[in-house]
Protein backbone atom coordinates (compact mmCIF):
# COMPACT_ATOMS: atom_id res chain seq x y z
CA MET A 1 91.28 135.97 127.61
CA THR A 2 88.92 133.15 126.77
CA ASP A 3 89.81 130.31 124.40
CA HIS A 4 86.44 128.98 123.37
CA GLY A 5 88.02 125.98 121.65
CA PRO A 6 86.60 123.86 118.85
CA GLN A 7 82.82 123.58 118.64
CA PRO A 8 81.07 120.28 117.86
CA VAL A 9 80.62 119.64 114.14
CA GLU A 10 78.13 117.12 112.79
CA ARG A 11 79.83 114.18 111.08
CA GLN A 12 78.57 111.63 108.58
CA LEU A 13 79.48 108.48 110.50
CA PRO A 14 78.58 104.97 109.33
CA THR A 15 77.59 103.33 112.63
CA GLU A 16 76.36 104.09 116.11
CA GLU A 17 79.69 102.75 117.39
CA SER A 18 81.52 105.31 115.27
CA ARG A 19 79.37 108.14 116.55
CA ALA A 20 80.07 107.06 120.11
CA LEU A 21 83.79 106.96 119.34
CA ILE A 22 83.82 110.53 118.03
CA SER A 23 81.87 111.67 121.08
CA LEU A 24 84.39 109.96 123.36
CA VAL A 25 87.28 111.63 121.53
CA ARG A 26 85.65 115.06 121.82
CA ASP A 27 85.19 114.60 125.54
CA LEU A 28 88.78 113.42 125.91
CA THR A 29 90.24 116.33 123.95
CA GLN A 30 88.27 118.92 125.90
CA ARG A 31 89.25 117.35 129.21
CA GLU A 32 92.84 116.22 128.64
CA ILE A 33 94.32 118.13 125.69
CA ALA A 34 92.74 121.49 124.87
CA PRO A 35 92.98 123.15 128.32
CA THR A 36 96.80 123.06 128.39
CA ALA A 37 97.55 123.12 124.64
CA ALA A 38 98.61 126.78 124.39
CA GLU A 39 100.77 126.73 127.52
CA GLU A 40 102.49 123.46 126.62
CA GLU A 41 103.13 124.47 123.01
CA ASP A 42 104.67 127.72 124.20
CA ALA A 43 106.90 125.76 126.59
CA GLY A 44 107.83 123.21 123.90
CA HIS A 45 106.46 120.35 126.01
CA PHE A 46 105.80 117.05 124.26
CA PRO A 47 102.72 115.43 125.86
CA ARG A 48 103.98 111.85 126.11
CA GLU A 49 101.45 111.21 128.85
CA VAL A 50 98.62 112.04 126.42
CA PHE A 51 99.95 109.50 123.93
CA GLY A 52 100.00 106.93 126.73
CA LEU A 53 96.35 107.72 127.39
CA LEU A 54 95.52 107.48 123.68
CA SER A 55 97.27 104.12 123.48
CA ALA A 56 95.40 102.78 126.50
CA SER A 57 92.14 104.03 124.94
CA GLY A 58 92.83 102.25 121.64
CA LEU A 59 93.18 105.50 119.71
CA LEU A 60 96.67 104.71 118.38
CA ALA A 61 95.38 101.53 116.76
CA LEU A 62 92.15 102.53 115.03
CA PRO A 63 92.75 101.61 111.35
CA TYR A 64 94.57 98.33 112.00
CA ALA A 65 93.33 94.75 112.29
CA GLU A 66 91.76 93.61 115.54
CA GLU A 67 93.74 90.38 115.24
CA PHE A 68 96.91 92.28 116.15
CA GLY A 69 95.41 94.68 118.69
CA GLY A 70 93.97 97.21 116.27
CA GLY A 71 90.62 98.91 116.32
CA ASP A 72 89.38 97.61 112.95
CA GLN A 73 87.93 101.04 112.15
CA PRO A 74 87.58 102.29 108.57
CA TYR A 75 89.81 105.13 107.51
CA GLU A 76 86.73 107.31 107.20
CA VAL A 77 86.29 107.09 110.97
CA TYR A 78 89.98 107.19 111.89
CA LEU A 79 90.48 110.44 109.96
CA GLN A 80 87.62 112.12 111.78
CA VAL A 81 89.26 111.16 115.06
CA LEU A 82 92.46 112.79 113.78
CA GLU A 83 90.51 115.95 112.93
CA GLU A 84 89.17 116.16 116.47
CA LEU A 85 92.63 115.64 117.99
CA ALA A 86 94.26 118.21 115.69
CA ALA A 87 91.57 120.78 116.45
CA ALA A 88 92.48 120.49 120.13
CA ARG A 89 96.26 120.39 119.56
CA LEU A 90 98.06 119.72 116.29
CA THR A 91 101.06 118.19 118.08
CA VAL A 92 98.74 115.38 119.19
CA GLY A 93 96.75 114.97 115.97
CA LEU A 94 99.83 114.98 113.76
CA GLY A 95 101.64 112.73 116.25
CA VAL A 96 98.91 110.09 115.96
CA SER A 97 99.08 110.37 112.15
CA VAL A 98 102.86 109.86 112.23
CA HIS A 99 102.53 106.89 114.58
CA THR A 100 99.98 105.33 112.23
CA LEU A 101 102.35 105.96 109.32
CA ALA A 102 105.19 104.29 111.22
CA CYS A 103 103.06 101.15 111.73
CA HIS A 104 102.00 100.96 108.07
CA ALA A 105 104.97 99.01 106.68
CA LEU A 106 104.77 96.28 109.29
CA ALA A 107 100.98 95.99 109.15
CA GLY A 108 100.83 95.95 105.38
CA TYR A 109 104.04 94.19 104.34
CA GLY A 110 105.36 92.32 107.36
CA THR A 111 105.08 88.58 107.71
CA LYS A 112 102.39 87.16 109.99
CA GLU A 113 105.11 86.28 112.49
CA GLN A 114 106.52 89.83 112.40
CA ARG A 115 103.06 91.29 112.93
CA ARG A 116 102.29 88.90 115.77
CA THR A 117 105.61 89.72 117.43
CA HIS A 118 105.63 93.51 117.14
CA LEU A 119 102.23 94.98 116.26
CA PRO A 120 100.33 94.48 119.55
CA ALA A 121 102.92 96.51 121.50
CA MET A 122 103.13 99.13 118.76
CA LEU A 123 99.35 99.55 118.60
CA GLY A 124 98.30 99.31 122.22
CA GLY A 125 101.36 98.87 124.39
CA GLY A 126 102.17 102.50 125.03
CA LEU A 127 104.87 102.65 122.34
CA LEU A 128 105.32 105.61 120.01
CA GLY A 129 106.61 105.34 116.46
CA ALA A 130 108.38 107.52 113.90
CA TYR A 131 108.99 107.34 110.16
CA CYS A 132 112.43 107.84 108.61
CA LEU A 133 112.41 108.59 104.89
CA SER A 134 113.72 112.14 104.33
CA GLU A 135 117.41 113.01 104.52
CA PRO A 136 119.35 116.28 104.52
CA ALA A 137 119.84 116.02 100.73
CA ALA A 138 116.77 113.89 99.89
CA GLY A 139 113.47 115.55 100.72
CA SER A 140 111.03 115.80 97.83
CA ASP A 141 113.37 113.52 95.85
CA ALA A 142 113.12 110.72 98.39
CA ALA A 143 114.38 108.09 95.92
CA ALA A 144 117.80 109.79 96.12
CA LEU A 145 118.29 108.80 99.77
CA ARG A 146 121.84 107.83 100.76
CA THR A 147 121.45 106.04 104.10
CA ARG A 148 122.76 102.54 103.42
CA ALA A 149 122.11 99.13 104.95
CA THR A 150 124.74 96.45 104.34
CA ARG A 151 124.06 92.79 105.00
CA VAL A 152 126.45 90.29 106.56
CA GLY A 153 124.75 86.97 107.26
CA ASP A 154 121.46 87.60 109.01
CA THR A 155 122.39 91.10 110.19
CA TRP A 156 122.10 94.47 108.46
CA THR A 157 124.30 97.43 109.43
CA ILE A 158 122.78 100.86 108.80
CA GLU A 159 124.90 103.97 108.21
CA GLY A 160 123.62 107.45 107.42
CA THR A 161 121.51 110.37 108.55
CA LYS A 162 117.76 110.90 108.42
CA ALA A 163 116.20 114.37 108.66
CA TRP A 164 112.89 115.98 109.61
CA THR A 165 111.89 113.02 111.75
CA THR A 166 108.78 113.75 113.81
CA HIS A 167 109.29 112.14 117.25
CA GLY A 168 113.00 111.91 116.44
CA GLY A 169 114.89 111.02 119.60
CA ILE A 170 111.82 110.07 121.65
CA ALA A 171 110.21 107.32 119.56
CA ASP A 172 110.28 103.70 120.71
CA PHE A 173 110.61 102.39 117.15
CA TYR A 174 111.44 103.75 113.71
CA THR A 175 110.39 102.57 110.28
CA VAL A 176 113.57 103.28 108.33
CA LEU A 177 114.06 103.34 104.56
CA ALA A 178 117.65 102.57 103.58
CA ARG A 179 119.52 101.78 100.39
CA THR A 180 120.42 98.12 100.03
CA GLY A 181 121.04 98.07 96.27
CA GLY A 182 121.85 100.39 93.39
CA GLU A 183 120.73 103.94 92.75
CA GLY A 184 117.09 104.90 92.32
CA PRO A 185 113.84 103.71 93.86
CA HIS A 186 114.40 99.98 93.30
CA GLY A 187 117.42 99.77 95.61
CA ILE A 188 115.62 100.73 98.84
CA THR A 189 114.46 98.44 101.66
CA ALA A 190 112.37 99.04 104.79
CA PHE A 191 113.47 98.10 108.33
CA LEU A 192 111.90 98.22 111.78
CA VAL A 193 114.55 99.70 114.09
CA PRO A 194 114.21 99.84 117.91
CA GLY A 195 114.51 103.31 119.37
CA ASP A 196 117.23 102.21 121.76
CA ALA A 197 119.40 100.46 119.15
CA PRO A 198 123.15 100.98 119.82
CA GLY A 199 124.61 103.52 117.40
CA LEU A 200 121.32 105.38 116.91
CA THR A 201 121.45 108.97 118.18
CA ALA A 202 119.35 112.07 117.68
CA ALA A 203 120.50 115.62 117.07
CA PRO A 204 118.92 118.45 119.09
CA PRO A 205 115.35 119.12 117.88
CA GLU A 206 114.88 121.67 115.11
CA ARG A 207 113.78 125.15 116.20
CA LYS A 208 110.48 125.58 114.36
CA MET A 209 108.04 128.46 113.92
CA GLY A 210 105.15 126.25 115.05
CA MET A 211 104.43 122.87 116.61
CA LYS A 212 107.10 123.55 119.20
CA GLY A 213 105.80 120.74 121.36
CA SER A 214 106.43 118.16 118.63
CA PRO A 215 110.14 117.25 118.40
CA THR A 216 111.55 117.14 114.85
CA ALA A 217 115.14 115.98 114.67
CA GLN A 218 117.87 114.45 112.57
CA LEU A 219 118.75 110.85 113.39
CA HIS A 220 122.28 109.48 112.98
CA PHE A 221 122.79 105.79 112.24
CA ASP A 222 126.37 104.91 113.13
CA GLY A 223 126.74 101.17 112.59
CA VAL A 224 123.20 100.38 113.78
CA GLU A 225 122.74 96.61 113.56
CA VAL A 226 119.32 95.21 112.69
CA ALA A 227 118.45 91.53 112.34
CA ASP A 228 117.09 90.40 108.98
CA ALA A 229 113.96 89.39 110.90
CA ARG A 230 113.26 93.13 111.16
CA ARG A 231 113.40 93.69 107.40
CA LEU A 232 109.90 94.62 106.21
CA GLY A 233 108.89 93.30 102.82
CA ASP A 234 111.33 92.14 100.17
CA GLU A 235 114.73 93.63 99.49
CA GLY A 236 114.27 96.53 97.09
CA GLN A 237 110.56 96.89 97.89
CA GLY A 238 111.05 99.74 100.34
CA PHE A 239 110.25 102.64 98.05
CA ALA A 240 106.94 101.08 96.98
CA ILE A 241 106.16 100.56 100.68
CA ALA A 242 107.05 104.19 101.39
CA LEU A 243 104.77 105.50 98.63
CA SER A 244 101.92 103.32 99.87
CA ALA A 245 102.38 104.67 103.39
CA LEU A 246 102.51 108.26 102.13
CA ASP A 247 99.22 107.91 100.23
CA SER A 248 97.50 107.05 103.51
CA GLY A 249 99.59 109.53 105.49
CA ARG A 250 98.50 112.38 103.22
CA LEU A 251 94.92 111.72 104.21
CA GLY A 252 96.02 112.07 107.83
CA ILE A 253 97.56 115.47 107.08
CA ALA A 254 94.38 116.53 105.28
CA ALA A 255 92.27 115.63 108.31
CA CYS A 256 94.66 117.44 110.65
CA ALA A 257 94.52 120.53 108.41
CA VAL A 258 90.73 120.57 108.55
CA GLY A 259 90.90 120.25 112.34
CA VAL A 260 93.20 123.26 112.65
CA ALA A 261 91.05 125.27 110.23
CA GLN A 262 87.87 124.38 112.14
CA ALA A 263 89.46 125.47 115.41
CA ALA A 264 90.48 128.78 113.83
CA LEU A 265 86.98 129.37 112.46
CA ASP A 266 85.42 128.58 115.84
CA GLN A 267 87.74 131.08 117.52
CA ALA A 268 87.12 133.80 114.92
CA LEU A 269 83.36 133.31 114.99
CA SER A 270 83.20 133.50 118.78
CA PHE A 271 85.43 136.60 118.85
CA THR A 272 83.53 138.49 116.15
CA GLN A 273 80.20 137.79 117.85
CA GLU A 274 81.48 139.16 121.16
CA ARG A 275 83.62 142.04 119.90
CA ARG A 276 81.63 145.26 119.42
CA GLN A 277 82.56 148.24 117.24
CA PHE A 278 80.38 151.17 116.19
CA GLY A 279 77.67 149.84 118.51
CA HIS A 280 77.41 146.39 116.87
CA PRO A 281 79.10 143.00 117.09
CA VAL A 282 81.71 143.00 114.33
CA ALA A 283 80.13 139.80 113.00
CA ASP A 284 77.20 141.98 111.87
CA PHE A 285 79.33 143.70 109.23
CA GLN A 286 78.85 142.20 105.81
CA GLY A 287 82.52 142.20 104.83
CA LEU A 288 83.41 140.10 107.87
CA ARG A 289 80.38 137.83 107.49
CA PHE A 290 81.48 137.04 103.94
CA MET A 291 84.95 136.14 105.21
CA LEU A 292 83.43 133.77 107.77
CA ALA A 293 81.25 132.21 105.08
CA ASP A 294 84.25 131.64 102.82
CA MET A 295 86.19 130.08 105.68
CA ALA A 296 83.35 127.70 106.54
CA THR A 297 82.92 126.74 102.89
CA GLN A 298 86.60 125.87 102.50
CA ILE A 299 86.46 123.71 105.63
CA GLU A 300 83.37 121.81 104.48
CA ALA A 301 84.88 121.28 101.03
CA GLY A 302 88.13 119.98 102.52
CA ARG A 303 86.31 117.63 104.87
CA ALA A 304 84.21 116.25 102.02
CA LEU A 305 87.34 115.72 99.92
CA TYR A 306 89.29 113.78 102.53
CA LEU A 307 86.25 111.67 103.45
CA ALA A 308 85.61 110.81 99.79
CA ALA A 309 89.24 109.69 99.43
CA ALA A 310 88.95 107.65 102.64
CA ARG A 311 85.88 105.84 101.32
CA LEU A 312 87.82 104.87 98.21
CA ARG A 313 90.57 103.47 100.40
CA ASP A 314 88.10 101.63 102.64
CA THR A 315 86.54 99.87 99.64
CA GLY A 316 89.88 98.85 98.16
CA ARG A 317 89.80 101.23 95.22
CA PRO A 318 92.73 103.40 94.02
CA PHE A 319 92.93 106.62 96.02
CA ALA A 320 96.43 108.04 95.48
CA LYS A 321 95.23 110.90 93.28
CA GLN A 322 92.44 111.80 95.70
CA ALA A 323 94.83 111.61 98.67
CA ALA A 324 97.17 114.09 96.99
CA MET A 325 94.21 116.35 96.15
CA ALA A 326 92.97 116.19 99.74
CA LYS A 327 96.36 116.96 101.25
CA LEU A 328 96.86 119.83 98.80
CA PHE A 329 93.44 121.40 99.16
CA CYS A 330 93.00 120.94 102.90
CA SER A 331 96.42 122.30 103.89
CA ASP A 332 96.11 125.27 101.52
CA ALA A 333 92.64 125.92 102.91
CA ALA A 334 93.97 125.72 106.48
CA MET A 335 96.57 128.36 105.64
CA ARG A 336 93.92 130.67 104.19
CA VAL A 337 91.43 130.08 107.00
CA THR A 338 93.94 130.62 109.80
CA THR A 339 95.29 133.76 108.13
CA ASP A 340 91.76 135.11 107.82
CA ALA A 341 91.06 134.25 111.46
CA VAL A 342 93.99 136.41 112.55
CA GLN A 343 92.76 139.21 110.27
CA LEU A 344 89.21 139.03 111.61
CA MET A 345 90.49 139.37 115.16
CA GLY A 346 92.72 142.34 114.34
CA GLY A 347 95.43 143.12 116.85
CA TYR A 348 94.09 140.50 119.24
CA GLY A 349 94.57 137.83 116.60
CA TYR A 350 98.24 138.74 116.38
CA THR A 351 98.81 138.21 120.10
CA ALA A 352 99.55 134.96 121.88
CA ASP A 353 96.62 135.62 124.23
CA PHE A 354 94.43 133.92 121.61
CA PRO A 355 95.28 130.70 119.74
CA ALA A 356 94.64 132.16 116.27
CA GLU A 357 98.30 133.07 115.71
CA ARG A 358 99.35 129.56 116.78
CA TYR A 359 96.91 127.99 114.34
CA MET A 360 98.37 130.15 111.56
CA ARG A 361 101.94 129.08 112.36
CA GLU A 362 100.91 125.44 112.59
CA ALA A 363 98.99 125.50 109.31
CA LYS A 364 102.18 126.44 107.45
CA ALA A 365 103.81 123.13 108.41
CA LEU A 366 100.93 121.18 106.88
CA GLN A 367 101.72 122.60 103.43
CA ILE A 368 105.22 121.09 103.73
CA VAL A 369 105.07 117.74 105.54
CA GLU A 370 104.25 114.40 103.83
CA GLY A 371 105.29 115.92 100.51
CA THR A 372 105.13 119.64 99.79
CA ASN A 373 102.05 120.95 98.03
CA GLN A 374 104.14 121.44 94.91
CA ILE A 375 104.79 117.68 94.99
CA GLN A 376 101.06 117.05 95.45
CA ARG A 377 100.36 119.03 92.30
CA MET A 378 102.91 116.91 90.45
CA VAL A 379 101.22 113.74 91.71
CA VAL A 380 97.78 114.91 90.65
CA ALA A 381 99.05 116.03 87.24
CA ARG A 382 100.68 112.64 86.63
CA HIS A 383 97.38 110.92 87.28
CA LEU A 384 95.66 113.30 84.86
CA ALA A 385 98.17 113.60 82.03
CA GLY A 386 100.83 110.95 82.51
CA PRO A 387 104.39 111.12 83.83
CA GLY A 388 105.78 113.82 81.51
CA GLY A 389 108.21 116.44 82.77
CA ALA A 390 110.69 116.07 85.61
CA PRO A 391 110.86 112.61 87.25
């Protein structure tokens, strides 16, 4: 059966260069990613070769400074690239978002020498990153993390376990948040840990309902030694660094969610125009047309929301509230849109012959990662009414 794939969507892009970039990404996704996405997801294959291609093409470096090998692109453009990648295959779109998140601490808080030493390889040298904040007993309450780093001279020794690590076990470097002081958010420090560090091991990947091609695993730090030169930012600054990274990362999830939703709408629209019942294409029936209209409206609203938040970020204005809103709205919308796509396609939507059921399973993850949507509501409420209630 035919997978018609994502259809081109007009974007509001600031420059001719940006428009050319999006066009290049669309061509790349249709040639290198979309054709094998369903088969590789079903097989649980991680497309490391695609990430090598993206690195060589500069697509793992878009929002970072050209001085260190980045693409110097505004977040508004970078997020639209993520949307295109996620529409073709969420494992790739989300993987690029996670890699960007893993580079954030070094790019934003590292010394110039640290950035000069590490960033070029991380951004364009074929390396893949991961981000280690969550733990088995510290998910939404990330400030309660227990992984500890102890300093002796110029060396830190890390002990503990990280959980839900995207690219866990295959990443070339990890941005790790570990406790170096007392309890609470002020005792946490960030480190850049090589993927092949002695004492660092990965558990078998989690068995997930979706995104089977993207490995998610626990990481065990058993006496992992890291030089103080790989400490990012000041001691005790790690939690502030983590929150800063998550604000930007939530915009990445929002863009990925819109990409998945757009792909689901494209599939449902194509199917309902071709499928005939009672002598007519099923897209002619008003009830189904209204569903398609609602799906398209949610997608456009989500896209506008994440782009508005990105423009705030690009102009140096506060955007944490809008990032939480975008992640919340876009991932909820993706869940609704993908569920409706399956419904519109009836029994065919429930089969693996079409990608609609995969989009639905993948959308669920986006309501959970980078802070659950319940956490996003807490973040938004704090911005509106202050920090009352649970911490």
